[in-house]
Amino acid sequence: MDTKHFARIGAGAFVAIALTMSVLQLREERPDPLPEVITVFEPDGDPLPAQLRACAAMGERALSAPDCQAVWAEKRRRFLGQGGEASAPASDPAFDAGEAPAPAPELQPAKGL
């Protein structure tokens, strides 16, 4: 027998096995999908997330709304972990002007280049 003949028999057997496996797979009952559970963390009594959603729904009008600007400022403050007011380094008692590093001398361009 030829090798072509064996190759055709092998290809036919492969197709038969593939078809049999496909039919068996289609006959199986599919399990019911699990219900999708979505949990959203919203702190009790915190109106900030609702205000942020409202500003997001406003679109471009939110850019000029003072309420939305205040909400975004509060969100930034919370995200960055800043306290009530940001203190300037000069008003900080731990900051001493005498301990400040001297400014670096300005570099002069090389002459003759």
PDB file of N, CA and C in Angstrom:
ATOM      1  N   MET A   1       0.831  -1.187   0.000  1.00  0.00           N
ATOM      2  CA  MET A   1       0.000   0.000   0.000  1.00  0.00           C
ATOM      3  C   MET A   1       0.874   1.249   0.000  1.00  0.00           C
ATOM      4  N   ASP A   2       0.306   2.273  -0.526  1.00  0.00           N
ATOM      5  CA  ASP A   2       0.998   3.556  -0.622  1.00  0.00           C
ATOM      6  C   ASP A   2       0.958   4.313   0.696  1.00  0.00           C
ATOM      7  N   THR A   3       1.885   5.241   0.858  1.00  0.00           N
ATOM      8  CA  THR A   3       1.844   6.105   2.041  1.00  0.00           C
ATOM      9  C   THR A   3       0.704   7.108   1.915  1.00  0.00           C
ATOM     10  N   LYS A   4       0.312   7.433   0.674  1.00  0.00           N
ATOM     11  CA  LYS A   4      -0.825   8.332   0.476  1.00  0.00           C
ATOM     12  C   LYS A   4      -2.097   7.683   1.006  1.00  0.00           C
ATOM     13  N   HIS A   5      -2.206   6.399   0.803  1.00  0.00           N
ATOM     14  CA  HIS A   5      -3.380   5.673   1.269  1.00  0.00           C
ATOM     15  C   HIS A   5      -3.464   5.710   2.799  1.00  0.00           C
ATOM     16  N   PHE A   6      -2.322   5.498   3.465  1.00  0.00           N
ATOM     17  CA  PHE A   6      -2.298   5.554   4.937  1.00  0.00           C
ATOM     18  C   PHE A   6      -2.598   6.971   5.437  1.00  0.00           C
ATOM     19  N   ALA A   7      -2.123   7.981   4.720  1.00  0.00           N
ATOM     20  CA  ALA A   7      -2.370   9.362   5.118  1.00  0.00           C
ATOM     21  C   ALA A   7      -3.855   9.688   4.990  1.00  0.00           C
ATOM     22  N   ARG A   8      -4.488   9.184   3.944  1.00  0.00           N
ATOM     23  CA  ARG A   8      -5.930   9.430   3.773  1.00  0.00           C
ATOM     24  C   ARG A   8      -6.738   8.714   4.837  1.00  0.00           C
ATOM     25  N   ILE A   9      -6.330   7.493   5.177  1.00  0.00           N
ATOM     26  CA  ILE A   9      -7.033   6.762   6.250  1.00  0.00           C
ATOM     27  C   ILE A   9      -6.864   7.507   7.577  1.00  0.00           C
ATOM     28  N   GLY A  10      -5.660   7.995   7.860  1.00  0.00           N
ATOM     29  CA  GLY A  10      -5.411   8.752   9.090  1.00  0.00           C
ATOM     30  C   GLY A  10      -6.212  10.039   9.136  1.00  0.00           C
ATOM     31  N   ALA A  11      -6.303  10.754   8.013  1.00  0.00           N
ATOM     32  CA  ALA A  11      -7.071  11.992   7.963  1.00  0.00           C
ATOM     33  C   ALA A  11      -8.554  11.711   8.159  1.00  0.00           C
ATOM     34  N   GLY A  12      -9.041  10.631   7.539  1.00  0.00           N
ATOM     35  CA  GLY A  12     -10.448  10.264   7.718  1.00  0.00           C
ATOM     36  C   GLY A  12     -10.744   9.895   9.158  1.00  0.00           C
ATOM     37  N   ALA A  13      -9.843   9.152   9.798  1.00  0.00           N
ATOM     38  CA  ALA A  13     -10.032   8.781  11.200  1.00  0.00           C
ATOM     39  C   ALA A  13     -10.039  10.032  12.079  1.00  0.00           C
ATOM     40  N   PHE A  14      -9.157  10.983  11.793  1.00  0.00           N
ATOM     41  CA  PHE A  14      -9.107  12.223  12.579  1.00  0.00           C
ATOM     42  C   PHE A  14     -10.413  12.997  12.451  1.00  0.00           C
ATOM     43  N   VAL A  15     -10.944  13.112  11.243  1.00  0.00           N
ATOM     44  CA  VAL A  15     -12.198  13.829  11.027  1.00  0.00           C
ATOM     45  C   VAL A  15     -13.336  13.112  11.745  1.00  0.00           C
ATOM     46  N   ALA A  16     -13.356  11.771  11.682  1.00  0.00           N
ATOM     47  CA  ALA A  16     -14.410  11.007  12.354  1.00  0.00           C
ATOM     48  C   ALA A  16     -14.344  11.225  13.866  1.00  0.00           C
ATOM     49  N   ILE A  17     -13.154  11.194  14.435  1.00  0.00           N
ATOM     50  CA  ILE A  17     -13.010  11.404  15.879  1.00  0.00           C
ATOM     51  C   ILE A  17     -13.439  12.826  16.250  1.00  0.00           C
ATOM     52  N   ALA A  18     -13.065  13.816  15.441  1.00  0.00           N
ATOM     53  CA  ALA A  18     -13.427  15.207  15.724  1.00  0.00           C
ATOM     54  C   ALA A  18     -14.936  15.397  15.680  1.00  0.00           C
ATOM     55  N   LEU A  19     -15.585  14.801  14.691  1.00  0.00           N
ATOM     56  CA  LEU A  19     -17.044  14.898  14.605  1.00  0.00           C
ATOM     57  C   LEU A  19     -17.718  14.213  15.788  1.00  0.00           C
ATOM     58  N   THR A  20     -17.215  13.037  16.183  1.00  0.00           N
ATOM     59  CA  THR A  20     -17.786  12.320  17.323  1.00  0.00           C
ATOM     60  C   THR A  20     -17.660  13.137  18.605  1.00  0.00           C
ATOM     61  N   MET A  21     -16.499  13.736  18.836  1.00  0.00           N
ATOM     62  CA  MET A  21     -16.299  14.549  20.039  1.00  0.00           C
ATOM     63  C   MET A  21     -17.203  15.782  20.023  1.00  0.00           C
ATOM     64  N   SER A  22     -17.399  16.391  18.858  1.00  0.00           N
ATOM     65  CA  SER A  22     -18.277  17.562  18.758  1.00  0.00           C
ATOM     66  C   SER A  22     -19.715  17.203  19.090  1.00  0.00           C
ATOM     67  N   VAL A  23     -20.187  16.070  18.558  1.00  0.00           N
ATOM     68  CA  VAL A  23     -21.560  15.643  18.836  1.00  0.00           C
ATOM     69  C   VAL A  23     -21.730  15.335  20.318  1.00  0.00           C
ATOM     70  N   LEU A  24     -20.756  14.658  20.928  1.00  0.00           N
ATOM     71  CA  LEU A  24     -20.848  14.358  22.364  1.00  0.00           C
ATOM     72  C   LEU A  24     -20.847  15.639  23.201  1.00  0.00           C
ATOM     73  N   GLN A  25     -20.070  16.621  22.791  1.00  0.00           N
ATOM     74  CA  GLN A  25     -20.017  17.887  23.527  1.00  0.00           C
ATOM     75  C   GLN A  25     -21.350  18.620  23.432  1.00  0.00           C
ATOM     76  N   LEU A  26     -21.987  18.574  22.275  1.00  0.00           N
ATOM     77  CA  LEU A  26     -23.271  19.252  22.109  1.00  0.00           C
ATOM     78  C   LEU A  26     -24.402  18.559  22.857  1.00  0.00           C
ATOM     79  N   ARG A  27     -24.281  17.282  23.108  1.00  0.00           N
ATOM     80  CA  ARG A  27     -25.328  16.551  23.813  1.00  0.00           C
ATOM     81  C   ARG A  27     -25.327  16.814  25.314  1.00  0.00           C
ATOM     82  N   GLU A  28     -24.196  17.249  25.868  1.00  0.00           N
ATOM     83  CA  GLU A  28     -24.120  17.493  27.306  1.00  0.00           C
ATOM     84  C   GLU A  28     -24.947  18.718  27.674  1.00  0.00           C
ATOM     85  N   GLU A  29     -25.587  18.633  28.840  1.00  0.00           N
ATOM     86  CA  GLU A  29     -26.353  19.776  29.326  1.00  0.00           C
ATOM     87  C   GLU A  29     -25.398  20.789  29.941  1.00  0.00           C
ATOM     88  N   ARG A  30     -25.645  22.021  29.622  1.00  0.00           N
ATOM     89  CA  ARG A  30     -24.791  23.072  30.167  1.00  0.00           C
ATOM     90  C   ARG A  30     -25.283  23.451  31.568  1.00  0.00           C
ATOM     91  N   PRO A  31     -24.356  23.642  32.487  1.00  0.00           N
ATOM     92  CA  PRO A  31     -24.774  24.059  33.824  1.00  0.00           C
ATOM     93  C   PRO A  31     -25.297  25.499  33.793  1.00  0.00           C
ATOM     94  N   ASP A  32     -26.201  25.800  34.699  1.00  0.00           N
ATOM     95  CA  ASP A  32     -26.733  27.153  34.788  1.00  0.00           C
ATOM     96  C   ASP A  32     -25.608  28.107  35.187  1.00  0.00           C
ATOM     97  N   PRO A  33     -25.513  29.244  34.520  1.00  0.00           N
ATOM     98  CA  PRO A  33     -24.453  30.194  34.883  1.00  0.00           C
ATOM     99  C   PRO A  33     -24.711  30.775  36.273  1.00  0.00           C
ATOM    100  N   LEU A  34     -23.632  31.010  36.978  1.00  0.00           N
ATOM    101  CA  LEU A  34     -23.749  31.606  38.302  1.00  0.00           C
ATOM    102  C   LEU A  34     -24.161  33.070  38.158  1.00  0.00           C
ATOM    103  N   PRO A  35     -25.021  33.542  39.049  1.00  0.00           N
ATOM    104  CA  PRO A  35     -25.401  34.952  38.957  1.00  0.00           C
ATOM    105  C   PRO A  35     -24.196  35.847  39.250  1.00  0.00           C
ATOM    106  N   GLU A  36     -24.090  36.908  38.486  1.00  0.00           N
ATOM    107  CA  GLU A  36     -22.968  37.818  38.646  1.00  0.00           C
ATOM    108  C   GLU A  36     -23.214  38.703  39.867  1.00  0.00           C
ATOM    109  N   VAL A  37     -22.232  38.734  40.751  1.00  0.00           N
ATOM    110  CA  VAL A  37     -22.347  39.527  41.964  1.00  0.00           C
ATOM    111  C   VAL A  37     -21.368  40.692  41.870  1.00  0.00           C
ATOM    112  N   ILE A  38     -21.905  41.882  41.974  1.00  0.00           N
ATOM    113  CA  ILE A  38     -21.075  43.074  41.937  1.00  0.00           C
ATOM    114  C   ILE A  38     -21.204  43.760  43.289  1.00  0.00           C
ATOM    115  N   THR A  39     -20.069  43.961  43.938  1.00  0.00           N
ATOM    116  CA  THR A  39     -20.084  44.662  45.218  1.00  0.00           C
ATOM    117  C   THR A  39     -19.405  46.010  45.025  1.00  0.00           C
ATOM    118  N   VAL A  40     -20.061  47.035  45.500  1.00  0.00           N
ATOM    119  CA  VAL A  40     -19.544  48.387  45.401  1.00  0.00           C
ATOM    120  C   VAL A  40     -19.421  48.929  46.808  1.00  0.00           C
ATOM    121  N   PHE A  41     -18.230  49.428  47.126  1.00  0.00           N
ATOM    122  CA  PHE A  41     -18.006  49.993  48.445  1.00  0.00           C
ATOM    123  C   PHE A  41     -18.412  51.459  48.431  1.00  0.00           C
ATOM    124  N   GLU A  42     -19.389  51.797  49.230  1.00  0.00           N
ATOM    125  CA  GLU A  42     -19.782  53.184  49.415  1.00  0.00           C
ATOM    126  C   GLU A  42     -19.849  53.440  50.906  1.00  0.00           C
ATOM    127  N   PRO A  43     -19.004  54.329  51.401  1.00  0.00           N
ATOM    128  CA  PRO A  43     -19.045  54.619  52.826  1.00  0.00           C
ATOM    129  C   PRO A  43     -20.415  55.173  53.224  1.00  0.00           C
ATOM    130  N   ASP A  44     -20.830  54.854  54.436  1.00  0.00           N
ATOM    131  CA  ASP A  44     -22.134  55.311  54.922  1.00  0.00           C
ATOM    132  C   ASP A  44     -22.124  56.821  55.104  1.00  0.00           C
ATOM    133  N   GLY A  45     -23.114  57.465  54.564  1.00  0.00           N
ATOM    134  CA  GLY A  45     -23.299  58.887  54.779  1.00  0.00           C
ATOM    135  C   GLY A  45     -22.338  59.774  54.008  1.00  0.00           C
ATOM    136  N   ASP A  46     -21.554  59.243  53.090  1.00  0.00           N
ATOM    137  CA  ASP A  46     -20.619  60.061  52.336  1.00  0.00           C
ATOM    138  C   ASP A  46     -21.261  60.445  51.005  1.00  0.00           C
ATOM    139  N   PRO A  47     -21.584  61.713  50.815  1.00  0.00           N
ATOM    140  CA  PRO A  47     -22.251  62.115  49.572  1.00  0.00           C
ATOM    141  C   PRO A  47     -21.296  62.336  48.406  1.00  0.00           C
ATOM    142  N   LEU A  48     -19.993  62.258  48.642  1.00  0.00           N
ATOM    143  CA  LEU A  48     -19.018  62.573  47.590  1.00  0.00           C
ATOM    144  C   LEU A  48     -19.164  61.695  46.348  1.00  0.00           C
ATOM    145  N   PRO A  49     -19.296  60.359  46.466  1.00  0.00           N
ATOM    146  CA  PRO A  49     -19.428  59.556  45.233  1.00  0.00           C
ATOM    147  C   PRO A  49     -20.653  59.930  44.405  1.00  0.00           C
ATOM    148  N   ALA A  50     -21.768  60.221  45.066  1.00  0.00           N
ATOM    149  CA  ALA A  50     -22.970  60.598  44.322  1.00  0.00           C
ATOM    150  C   ALA A  50     -22.773  61.948  43.635  1.00  0.00           C
ATOM    151  N   GLN A  51     -22.107  62.874  44.304  1.00  0.00           N
ATOM    152  CA  GLN A  51     -21.848  64.175  43.700  1.00  0.00           C
ATOM    153  C   GLN A  51     -20.895  64.046  42.515  1.00  0.00           C
ATOM    154  N   LEU A  52     -19.890  63.168  42.628  1.00  0.00           N
ATOM    155  CA  LEU A  52     -18.965  62.960  41.513  1.00  0.00           C
ATOM    156  C   LEU A  52     -19.683  62.367  40.304  1.00  0.00           C
ATOM    157  N   ARG A  53     -20.594  61.424  40.547  1.00  0.00           N
ATOM    158  CA  ARG A  53     -21.370  60.847  39.439  1.00  0.00           C
ATOM    159  C   ARG A  53     -22.249  61.912  38.790  1.00  0.00           C
ATOM    160  N   ALA A  54     -22.846  62.783  39.604  1.00  0.00           N
ATOM    161  CA  ALA A  54     -23.695  63.838  39.055  1.00  0.00           C
ATOM    162  C   ALA A  54     -22.869  64.800  38.196  1.00  0.00           C
ATOM    163  N   CYS A  55     -21.664  65.133  38.656  1.00  0.00           N
ATOM    164  CA  CYS A  55     -20.813  66.031  37.872  1.00  0.00           C
ATOM    165  C   CYS A  55     -20.352  65.350  36.585  1.00  0.00           C
ATOM    166  N   ALA A  56     -20.084  64.058  36.645  1.00  0.00           N
ATOM    167  CA  ALA A  56     -19.687  63.337  35.446  1.00  0.00           C
ATOM    168  C   ALA A  56     -20.823  63.301  34.431  1.00  0.00           C
ATOM    169  N   ALA A  57     -22.059  63.234  34.918  1.00  0.00           N
ATOM    170  CA  ALA A  57     -23.208  63.196  34.018  1.00  0.00           C
ATOM    171  C   ALA A  57     -23.473  64.563  33.375  1.00  0.00           C
ATOM    172  N   MET A  58     -22.978  65.636  33.991  1.00  0.00           N
ATOM    173  CA  MET A  58     -23.221  66.978  33.464  1.00  0.00           C
ATOM    174  C   MET A  58     -22.409  67.265  32.208  1.00  0.00           C
ATOM    175  N   GLY A  59     -21.311  66.567  32.019  1.00  0.00           N
ATOM    176  CA  GLY A  59     -20.484  66.784  30.838  1.00  0.00           C
ATOM    177  C   GLY A  59     -19.665  68.056  30.966  1.00  0.00           C
ATOM    178  N   GLU A  60     -19.616  68.846  29.886  1.00  0.00           N
ATOM    179  CA  GLU A  60     -18.794  70.044  29.875  1.00  0.00           C
ATOM    180  C   GLU A  60     -19.318  71.137  30.788  1.00  0.00           C
ATOM    181  N   ARG A  61     -20.611  71.128  31.100  1.00  0.00           N
ATOM    182  CA  ARG A  61     -21.167  72.144  32.000  1.00  0.00           C
ATOM    183  C   ARG A  61     -20.554  72.048  33.382  1.00  0.00           C
ATOM    184  N   ALA A  62     -20.037  70.873  33.738  1.00  0.00           N
ATOM    185  CA  ALA A  62     -19.449  70.694  35.060  1.00  0.00           C
ATOM    186  C   ALA A  62     -18.158  71.483  35.220  1.00  0.00           C
ATOM    187  N   LEU A  63     -17.492  71.816  34.116  1.00  0.00           N
ATOM    188  CA  LEU A  63     -16.241  72.565  34.203  1.00  0.00           C
ATOM    189  C   LEU A  63     -16.435  73.947  34.809  1.00  0.00           C
ATOM    190  N   SER A  64     -17.597  74.546  34.568  1.00  0.00           N
ATOM    191  CA  SER A  64     -17.836  75.897  35.078  1.00  0.00           C
ATOM    192  C   SER A  64     -18.711  75.907  36.320  1.00  0.00           C
ATOM    193  N   ALA A  65     -19.180  74.756  36.762  1.00  0.00           N
ATOM    194  CA  ALA A  65     -20.046  74.702  37.947  1.00  0.00           C
ATOM    195  C   ALA A  65     -19.199  74.752  39.218  1.00  0.00           C
ATOM    196  N   PRO A  66     -19.463  75.721  40.099  1.00  0.00           N
ATOM    197  CA  PRO A  66     -18.662  75.819  41.325  1.00  0.00           C
ATOM    198  C   PRO A  66     -18.850  74.613  42.247  1.00  0.00           C
ATOM    199  N   ASP A  67     -20.036  74.018  42.220  1.00  0.00           N
ATOM    200  CA  ASP A  67     -20.264  72.831  43.060  1.00  0.00           C
ATOM    201  C   ASP A  67     -19.350  71.689  42.632  1.00  0.00           C
ATOM    202  N   CYS A  68     -19.232  71.482  41.327  1.00  0.00           N
ATOM    203  CA  CYS A  68     -18.391  70.397  40.828  1.00  0.00           C
ATOM    204  C   CYS A  68     -16.919  70.685  41.093  1.00  0.00           C
ATOM    205  N   GLN A  69     -16.519  71.934  40.985  1.00  0.00           N
ATOM    206  CA  GLN A  69     -15.135  72.274  41.283  1.00  0.00           C
ATOM    207  C   GLN A  69     -14.811  71.997  42.745  1.00  0.00           C
ATOM    208  N   ALA A  70     -15.749  72.278  43.629  1.00  0.00           N
ATOM    209  CA  ALA A  70     -15.536  72.001  45.054  1.00  0.00           C
ATOM    210  C   ALA A  70     -15.479  70.504  45.314  1.00  0.00           C
ATOM    211  N   VAL A  71     -16.324  69.740  44.619  1.00  0.00           N
ATOM    212  CA  VAL A  71     -16.327  68.284  44.790  1.00  0.00           C
ATOM    213  C   VAL A  71     -15.016  67.699  44.304  1.00  0.00           C
ATOM    214  N   TRP A  72     -14.514  68.172  43.165  1.00  0.00           N
ATOM    215  CA  TRP A  72     -13.246  67.666  42.632  1.00  0.00           C
ATOM    216  C   TRP A  72     -12.082  68.035  43.548  1.00  0.00           C
ATOM    217  N   ALA A  73     -12.142  69.235  44.116  1.00  0.00           N
ATOM    218  CA  ALA A  73     -11.080  69.638  45.047  1.00  0.00           C
ATOM    219  C   ALA A  73     -11.077  68.720  46.275  1.00  0.00           C
ATOM    220  N   GLU A  74     -12.263  68.382  46.776  1.00  0.00           N
ATOM    221  CA  GLU A  74     -12.350  67.482  47.928  1.00  0.00           C
ATOM    222  C   GLU A  74     -11.834  66.096  47.562  1.00  0.00           C
ATOM    223  N   LYS A  75     -12.158  65.618  46.360  1.00  0.00           N
ATOM    224  CA  LYS A  75     -11.681  64.309  45.907  1.00  0.00           C
ATOM    225  C   LYS A  75     -10.154  64.303  45.814  1.00  0.00           C
ATOM    226  N   ARG A  76      -9.570  65.365  45.261  1.00  0.00           N
ATOM    227  CA  ARG A  76      -8.112  65.456  45.187  1.00  0.00           C
ATOM    228  C   ARG A  76      -7.503  65.472  46.579  1.00  0.00           C
ATOM    229  N   ARG A  77      -8.122  66.233  47.490  1.00  0.00           N
ATOM    230  CA  ARG A  77      -7.595  66.316  48.850  1.00  0.00           C
ATOM    231  C   ARG A  77      -7.597  64.945  49.504  1.00  0.00           C
ATOM    232  N   ARG A  78      -8.679  64.209  49.338  1.00  0.00           N
ATOM    233  CA  ARG A  78      -8.753  62.864  49.925  1.00  0.00           C
ATOM    234  C   ARG A  78      -7.767  61.911  49.263  1.00  0.00           C
ATOM    235  N   PHE A  79      -7.664  61.989  47.934  1.00  0.00           N
ATOM    236  CA  PHE A  79      -6.793  61.070  47.211  1.00  0.00           C
ATOM    237  C   PHE A  79      -5.335  61.295  47.579  1.00  0.00           C
ATOM    238  N   LEU A  80      -4.933  62.551  47.664  1.00  0.00           N
ATOM    239  CA  LEU A  80      -3.549  62.874  47.975  1.00  0.00           C
ATOM    240  C   LEU A  80      -3.256  62.799  49.465  1.00  0.00           C
ATOM    241  N   GLY A  81      -4.290  62.641  50.289  1.00  0.00           N
ATOM    242  CA  GLY A  81      -4.085  62.482  51.723  1.00  0.00           C
ATOM    243  C   GLY A  81      -3.654  63.757  52.410  1.00  0.00           C
ATOM    244  N   GLN A  82      -4.054  64.876  51.877  1.00  0.00           N
ATOM    245  CA  GLN A  82      -3.681  66.138  52.482  1.00  0.00           C
ATOM    246  C   GLN A  82      -4.650  66.469  53.598  1.00  0.00           C
ATOM    247  N   GLY A  83      -4.162  67.217  54.582  1.00  0.00           N
ATOM    248  CA  GLY A  83      -5.006  67.639  55.697  1.00  0.00           C
ATOM    249  C   GLY A  83      -5.917  68.769  55.281  1.00  0.00           C
ATOM    250  N   GLY A  84      -6.454  69.486  56.273  1.00  0.00           N
ATOM    251  CA  GLY A  84      -7.393  70.576  56.014  1.00  0.00           C
ATOM    252  C   GLY A  84      -6.803  71.639  55.114  1.00  0.00           C
ATOM    253  N   GLU A  85      -5.704  72.257  55.524  1.00  0.00           N
ATOM    254  CA  GLU A  85      -5.066  73.278  54.708  1.00  0.00           C
ATOM    255  C   GLU A  85      -3.610  72.902  54.510  1.00  0.00           C
ATOM    256  N   ALA A  86      -3.114  73.137  53.344  1.00  0.00           N
ATOM    257  CA  ALA A  86      -1.704  72.863  53.079  1.00  0.00           C
ATOM    258  C   ALA A  86      -0.892  74.010  53.655  1.00  0.00           C
ATOM    259  N   SER A  87       0.074  73.694  54.484  1.00  0.00           N
ATOM    260  CA  SER A  87       0.877  74.748  55.086  1.00  0.00           C
ATOM    261  C   SER A  87       2.105  75.007  54.233  1.00  0.00           C
ATOM    262  N   ALA A  88       2.471  76.265  54.140  1.00  0.00           N
ATOM    263  CA  ALA A  88       3.653  76.638  53.371  1.00  0.00           C
ATOM    264  C   ALA A  88       4.885  76.286  54.186  1.00  0.00           C
ATOM    265  N   PRO A  89       6.001  75.956  53.552  1.00  0.00           N
ATOM    266  CA  PRO A  89       7.202  75.600  54.300  1.00  0.00           C
ATOM    267  C   PRO A  89       7.690  76.733  55.196  1.00  0.00           C
ATOM    268  N   ALA A  90       7.458  77.995  54.805  1.00  0.00           N
ATOM    269  CA  ALA A  90       7.943  79.107  55.613  1.00  0.00           C
ATOM    270  C   ALA A  90       7.189  79.197  56.935  1.00  0.00           C
ATOM    271  N   SER A  91       5.928  78.780  56.973  1.00  0.00           N
ATOM    272  CA  SER A  91       5.161  78.867  58.213  1.00  0.00           C
ATOM    273  C   SER A  91       5.356  77.633  59.080  1.00  0.00           C
ATOM    274  N   ASP A  92       6.056  76.650  58.580  1.00  0.00           N
ATOM    275  CA  ASP A  92       6.308  75.430  59.343  1.00  0.00           C
ATOM    276  C   ASP A  92       7.387  75.712  60.380  1.00  0.00           C
ATOM    277  N   PRO A  93       7.132  75.452  61.688  1.00  0.00           N
ATOM    278  CA  PRO A  93       8.142  75.749  62.696  1.00  0.00           C
ATOM    279  C   PRO A  93       9.384  74.869  62.550  1.00  0.00           C
ATOM    280  N   ALA A  94       9.276  73.716  61.933  1.00  0.00           N
ATOM    281  CA  ALA A  94      10.432  72.846  61.766  1.00  0.00           C
ATOM    282  C   ALA A  94      11.358  73.360  60.668  1.00  0.00           C
ATOM    283  N   PHE A  95      10.837  74.241  59.823  1.00  0.00           N
ATOM    284  CA  PHE A  95      11.629  74.762  58.712  1.00  0.00           C
ATOM    285  C   PHE A  95      12.397  75.973  59.200  1.00  0.00           C
ATOM    286  N   ASP A  96      13.685  75.948  59.051  1.00  0.00           N
ATOM    287  CA  ASP A  96      14.537  77.062  59.432  1.00  0.00           C
ATOM    288  C   ASP A  96      15.256  77.545  58.181  1.00  0.00           C
ATOM    289  N   ALA A  97      15.160  78.833  57.895  1.00  0.00           N
ATOM    290  CA  ALA A  97      15.759  79.375  56.678  1.00  0.00           C
ATOM    291  C   ALA A  97      17.268  79.205  56.677  1.00  0.00           C
ATOM    292  N   GLY A  98      17.899  79.160  57.860  1.00  0.00           N
ATOM    293  CA  GLY A  98      19.344  78.992  57.921  1.00  0.00           C
ATOM    294  C   GLY A  98      19.776  77.603  57.499  1.00  0.00           C
ATOM    295  N   GLU A  99      18.891  76.626  57.598  1.00  0.00           N
ATOM    296  CA  GLU A  99      19.236  75.259  57.236  1.00  0.00           C
ATOM    297  C   GLU A  99      18.963  74.954  55.772  1.00  0.00           C
ATOM    298  N   ALA A 100      18.401  75.907  55.057  1.00  0.00           N
ATOM    299  CA  ALA A 100      18.077  75.675  53.648  1.00  0.00           C
ATOM    300  C   ALA A 100      19.357  75.554  52.849  1.00  0.00           C
ATOM    301  N   PRO A 101      19.416  74.666  51.886  1.00  0.00           N
ATOM    302  CA  PRO A 101      20.619  74.534  51.064  1.00  0.00           C
ATOM    303  C   PRO A 101      20.802  75.767  50.195  1.00  0.00           C
ATOM    304  N   ALA A 102      22.041  76.115  49.967  1.00  0.00           N
ATOM    305  CA  ALA A 102      22.348  77.267  49.127  1.00  0.00           C
ATOM    306  C   ALA A 102      22.016  76.934  47.687  1.00  0.00           C
ATOM    307  N   PRO A 103      21.550  77.927  46.924  1.00  0.00           N
ATOM    308  CA  PRO A 103      21.238  77.650  45.524  1.00  0.00           C
ATOM    309  C   PRO A 103      22.513  77.334  44.756  1.00  0.00           C
ATOM    310  N   ALA A 104      22.383  76.474  43.772  1.00  0.00           N
ATOM    311  CA  ALA A 104      23.532  76.076  42.956  1.00  0.00           C
ATOM    312  C   ALA A 104      23.968  77.250  42.100  1.00  0.00           C
ATOM    313  N   PRO A 105      25.279  77.430  41.909  1.00  0.00           N
ATOM    314  CA  PRO A 105      25.726  78.543  41.047  1.00  0.00           C
ATOM    315  C   PRO A 105      25.299  78.289  39.619  1.00  0.00           C
ATOM    316  N   GLU A 106      24.996  79.387  38.940  1.00  0.00           N
ATOM    317  CA  GLU A 106      24.548  79.265  37.549  1.00  0.00           C
ATOM    318  C   GLU A 106      25.737  78.892  36.676  1.00  0.00           C
ATOM    319  N   LEU A 107      25.514  78.026  35.742  1.00  0.00           N
ATOM    320  CA  LEU A 107      26.571  77.605  34.822  1.00  0.00           C
ATOM    321  C   LEU A 107      26.760  78.645  33.739  1.00  0.00           C
ATOM    322  N   GLN A 108      28.002  78.954  33.449  1.00  0.00           N
ATOM    323  CA  GLN A 108      28.326  79.913  32.395  1.00  0.00           C
ATOM    324  C   GLN A 108      28.691  79.147  31.129  1.00  0.00           C
ATOM    325  N   PRO A 109      28.290  79.637  29.983  1.00  0.00           N
ATOM    326  CA  PRO A 109      28.661  78.944  28.744  1.00  0.00           C
ATOM    327  C   PRO A 109      30.162  79.039  28.515  1.00  0.00           C
ATOM    328  N   ALA A 110      30.705  78.001  27.927  1.00  0.00           N
ATOM    329  CA  ALA A 110      32.136  77.958  27.652  1.00  0.00           C
ATOM    330  C   ALA A 110      32.477  78.968  26.550  1.00  0.00           C
ATOM    331  N   LYS A 111      33.587  79.652  26.728  1.00  0.00           N
ATOM    332  CA  LYS A 111      33.986  80.653  25.747  1.00  0.00           C
ATOM    333  C   LYS A 111      34.840  79.999  24.662  1.00  0.00           C
ATOM    334  N   GLY A 112      34.694  80.494  23.494  1.00  0.00           N
ATOM    335  CA  GLY A 112      35.522  80.006  22.399  1.00  0.00           C
ATOM    336  C   GLY A 112      34.897  78.839  21.655  1.00  0.00           C
ATOM    337  N   LEU A 113      33.676  78.489  21.938  1.00  0.00           N
ATOM    338  CA  LEU A 113      33.037  77.388  21.186  1.00  0.00           C
ATOM    339  C   LEU A 113      32.115  77.901  20.158  1.00  0.00           C
TER     340      LEU A 113
END
